[in-house]
C-alpha atoms as a PDB file:
ATOM      1  CA  MET A   1       2.776 123.744  81.128  1.00  0.00           C
ATOM      2  CA  ASN A   2       2.959 122.832  84.857  1.00  0.00           C
ATOM      3  CA  THR A   3       5.216 120.391  85.938  1.00  0.00           C
ATOM      4  CA  THR A   4       6.551 119.602  89.776  1.00  0.00           C
ATOM      5  CA  SER A   5       9.796 120.088  90.288  1.00  0.00           C
ATOM      6  CA  ASP A   6      11.452 116.645  91.204  1.00  0.00           C
ATOM      7  CA  GLN A   7      13.624 114.990  88.891  1.00  0.00           C
ATOM      8  CA  GLY A   8      12.618 111.524  88.797  1.00  0.00           C
ATOM      9  CA  THR A   9      15.036 108.282  88.857  1.00  0.00           C
ATOM     10  CA  GLY A  10      15.205 107.499  85.067  1.00  0.00           C
ATOM     11  CA  SER A  11      14.691 103.903  86.037  1.00  0.00           C
ATOM     12  CA  GLY A  12      11.581 103.895  84.479  1.00  0.00           C
ATOM     13  CA  GLU A  13       9.971 102.129  88.279  1.00  0.00           C
ATOM     14  CA  SER A  14       7.623 104.564  89.851  1.00  0.00           C
ATOM     15  CA  ASN A  15       9.101 106.746  92.308  1.00  0.00           C
ATOM     16  CA  GLY A  16       5.694 108.036  94.346  1.00  0.00           C
ATOM     17  CA  ARG A  17       5.807 111.197  92.247  1.00  0.00           C
ATOM     18  CA  VAL A  18       3.079 112.353  90.236  1.00  0.00           C
ATOM     19  CA  ALA A  19       2.778 115.788  87.706  1.00  0.00           C
ATOM     20  CA  VAL A  20       0.183 117.386  86.318  1.00  0.00           C
ATOM     21  CA  ILE A  21       1.042 118.268  82.086  1.00  0.00           C
ATOM     22  CA  THR A  22      -1.273 120.928  81.029  1.00  0.00           C
ATOM     23  CA  GLY A  23      -1.228 120.881  77.326  1.00  0.00           C
ATOM     24  CA  ALA A  24      -0.245 117.330  77.159  1.00  0.00           C
ATOM     25  CA  SER A  25      -1.825 116.513  73.859  1.00  0.00           C
ATOM     26  CA  SER A  26       1.063 117.820  71.634  1.00  0.00           C
ATOM     27  CA  GLY A  27       4.349 119.546  71.484  1.00  0.00           C
ATOM     28  CA  ILE A  28       6.208 120.446  74.625  1.00  0.00           C
ATOM     29  CA  GLY A  29       3.256 119.026  76.357  1.00  0.00           C
ATOM     30  CA  GLU A  30       3.643 116.079  75.179  1.00  0.00           C
ATOM     31  CA  ALA A  31       7.694 115.555  75.098  1.00  0.00           C
ATOM     32  CA  THR A  32       7.833 116.616  79.055  1.00  0.00           C
ATOM     33  CA  ALA A  33       5.033 113.840  79.578  1.00  0.00           C
ATOM     34  CA  ARG A  34       6.867 111.780  77.664  1.00  0.00           C
ATOM     35  CA  ALA A  35      10.134 112.159  79.761  1.00  0.00           C
ATOM     36  CA  LEU A  36       8.748 112.283  82.987  1.00  0.00           C
ATOM     37  CA  ALA A  37       6.993 109.056  83.091  1.00  0.00           C
ATOM     38  CA  ALA A  38      10.468 107.818  81.447  1.00  0.00           C
ATOM     39  CA  SER A  39      11.493 108.754  84.692  1.00  0.00           C
ATOM     40  CA  GLY A  40       9.037 107.155  86.291  1.00  0.00           C
ATOM     41  CA  PHE A  41       6.544 109.815  87.000  1.00  0.00           C
ATOM     42  CA  ARG A  42       2.669 108.779  87.334  1.00  0.00           C
ATOM     43  CA  LEU A  43       0.516 111.349  84.946  1.00  0.00           C
ATOM     44  CA  ALA A  44      -2.132 113.455  85.026  1.00  0.00           C
ATOM     45  CA  LEU A  45      -1.998 114.950  81.304  1.00  0.00           C
ATOM     46  CA  LEU A  46      -4.477 117.638  80.382  1.00  0.00           C
ATOM     47  CA  ALA A  47      -5.462 119.825  77.844  1.00  0.00           C
ATOM     48  CA  ARG A  48      -8.505 120.463  75.543  1.00  0.00           C
ATOM     49  CA  ARG A  49      -8.291 116.881  73.239  1.00  0.00           C
ATOM     50  CA  ALA A  50      -9.557 114.532  74.554  1.00  0.00           C
ATOM     51  CA  ASP A  51      -8.493 111.542  71.874  1.00  0.00           C
ATOM     52  CA  ARG A  52      -5.219 112.956  71.994  1.00  0.00           C
ATOM     53  CA  ILE A  53      -4.568 112.902  75.624  1.00  0.00           C
ATOM     54  CA  GLN A  54      -6.273 109.780  76.316  1.00  0.00           C
ATOM     55  CA  ALA A  55      -4.093 107.361  73.238  1.00  0.00           C
ATOM     56  CA  LEU A  56      -1.065 109.375  74.806  1.00  0.00           C
ATOM     57  CA  ALA A  57      -1.709 107.762  78.745  1.00  0.00           C
ATOM     58  CA  ASP A  58      -2.701 104.380  76.908  1.00  0.00           C
ATOM     59  CA  GLU A  59       0.842 104.869  75.279  1.00  0.00           C
ATOM     60  CA  LEU A  60       2.456 105.920  78.317  1.00  0.00           C
ATOM     61  CA  GLY A  61       0.716 103.092  80.887  1.00  0.00           C
ATOM     62  CA  HIS A  62       2.162 103.265  84.482  1.00  0.00           C
ATOM     63  CA  GLY A  63      -1.223 104.847  85.466  1.00  0.00           C
ATOM     64  CA  ALA A  64      -1.355 108.193  83.585  1.00  0.00           C
ATOM     65  CA  ILE A  65      -4.876 109.658  83.194  1.00  0.00           C
ATOM     66  CA  ALA A  66      -5.978 111.780  80.835  1.00  0.00           C
ATOM     67  CA  ILE A  67      -8.463 115.018  81.674  1.00  0.00           C
ATOM     68  CA  PRO A  68      -9.829 116.483  79.456  1.00  0.00           C
ATOM     69  CA  ALA A  69      -9.367 120.879  80.413  1.00  0.00           C
ATOM     70  CA  ASP A  70      -9.095 123.778  79.132  1.00  0.00           C
ATOM     71  CA  VAL A  71      -7.139 125.648  81.360  1.00  0.00           C
ATOM     72  CA  THR A  72      -8.542 128.928  80.190  1.00  0.00           C
ATOM     73  CA  ASP A  73     -12.003 127.847  81.660  1.00  0.00           C
ATOM     74  CA  ARG A  74     -11.868 128.313  85.936  1.00  0.00           C
ATOM     75  CA  ASP A  75     -15.163 125.451  86.170  1.00  0.00           C
ATOM     76  CA  SER A  76     -12.848 123.434  83.779  1.00  0.00           C
ATOM     77  CA  VAL A  77      -9.536 123.761  85.891  1.00  0.00           C
ATOM     78  CA  ALA A  78     -11.369 123.017  88.900  1.00  0.00           C
ATOM     79  CA  ALA A  79     -13.081 119.565  87.515  1.00  0.00           C
ATOM     80  CA  ALA A  80      -9.900 118.533  86.088  1.00  0.00           C
ATOM     81  CA  ALA A  81      -7.636 119.424  89.957  1.00  0.00           C
ATOM     82  CA  GLY A  82     -10.555 117.508  91.478  1.00  0.00           C
ATOM     83  CA  ARG A  83     -10.002 113.958  89.746  1.00  0.00           C
ATOM     84  CA  VAL A  84      -6.341 114.538  90.433  1.00  0.00           C
ATOM     85  CA  LYS A  85      -4.462 112.618  93.591  1.00  0.00           C
END
């Protein structure tokens, strides 16, 4: 799982920070996404299970985007990186 190393404000308001989270569809990745969203981060959620990350992005709101990606596939990671802004 990759995230930024900055800490959020804890206010739930946008702080201009963006985190890219791999494995965001469940477990530690999902928990990290929830914690960072609560701290005001904008999120790019990456995982193979598109339906799960889309549901999470919809739930979290605040500009969270779901990007289906398989981190074991170089082309998939490159395509995902191109979508993160």
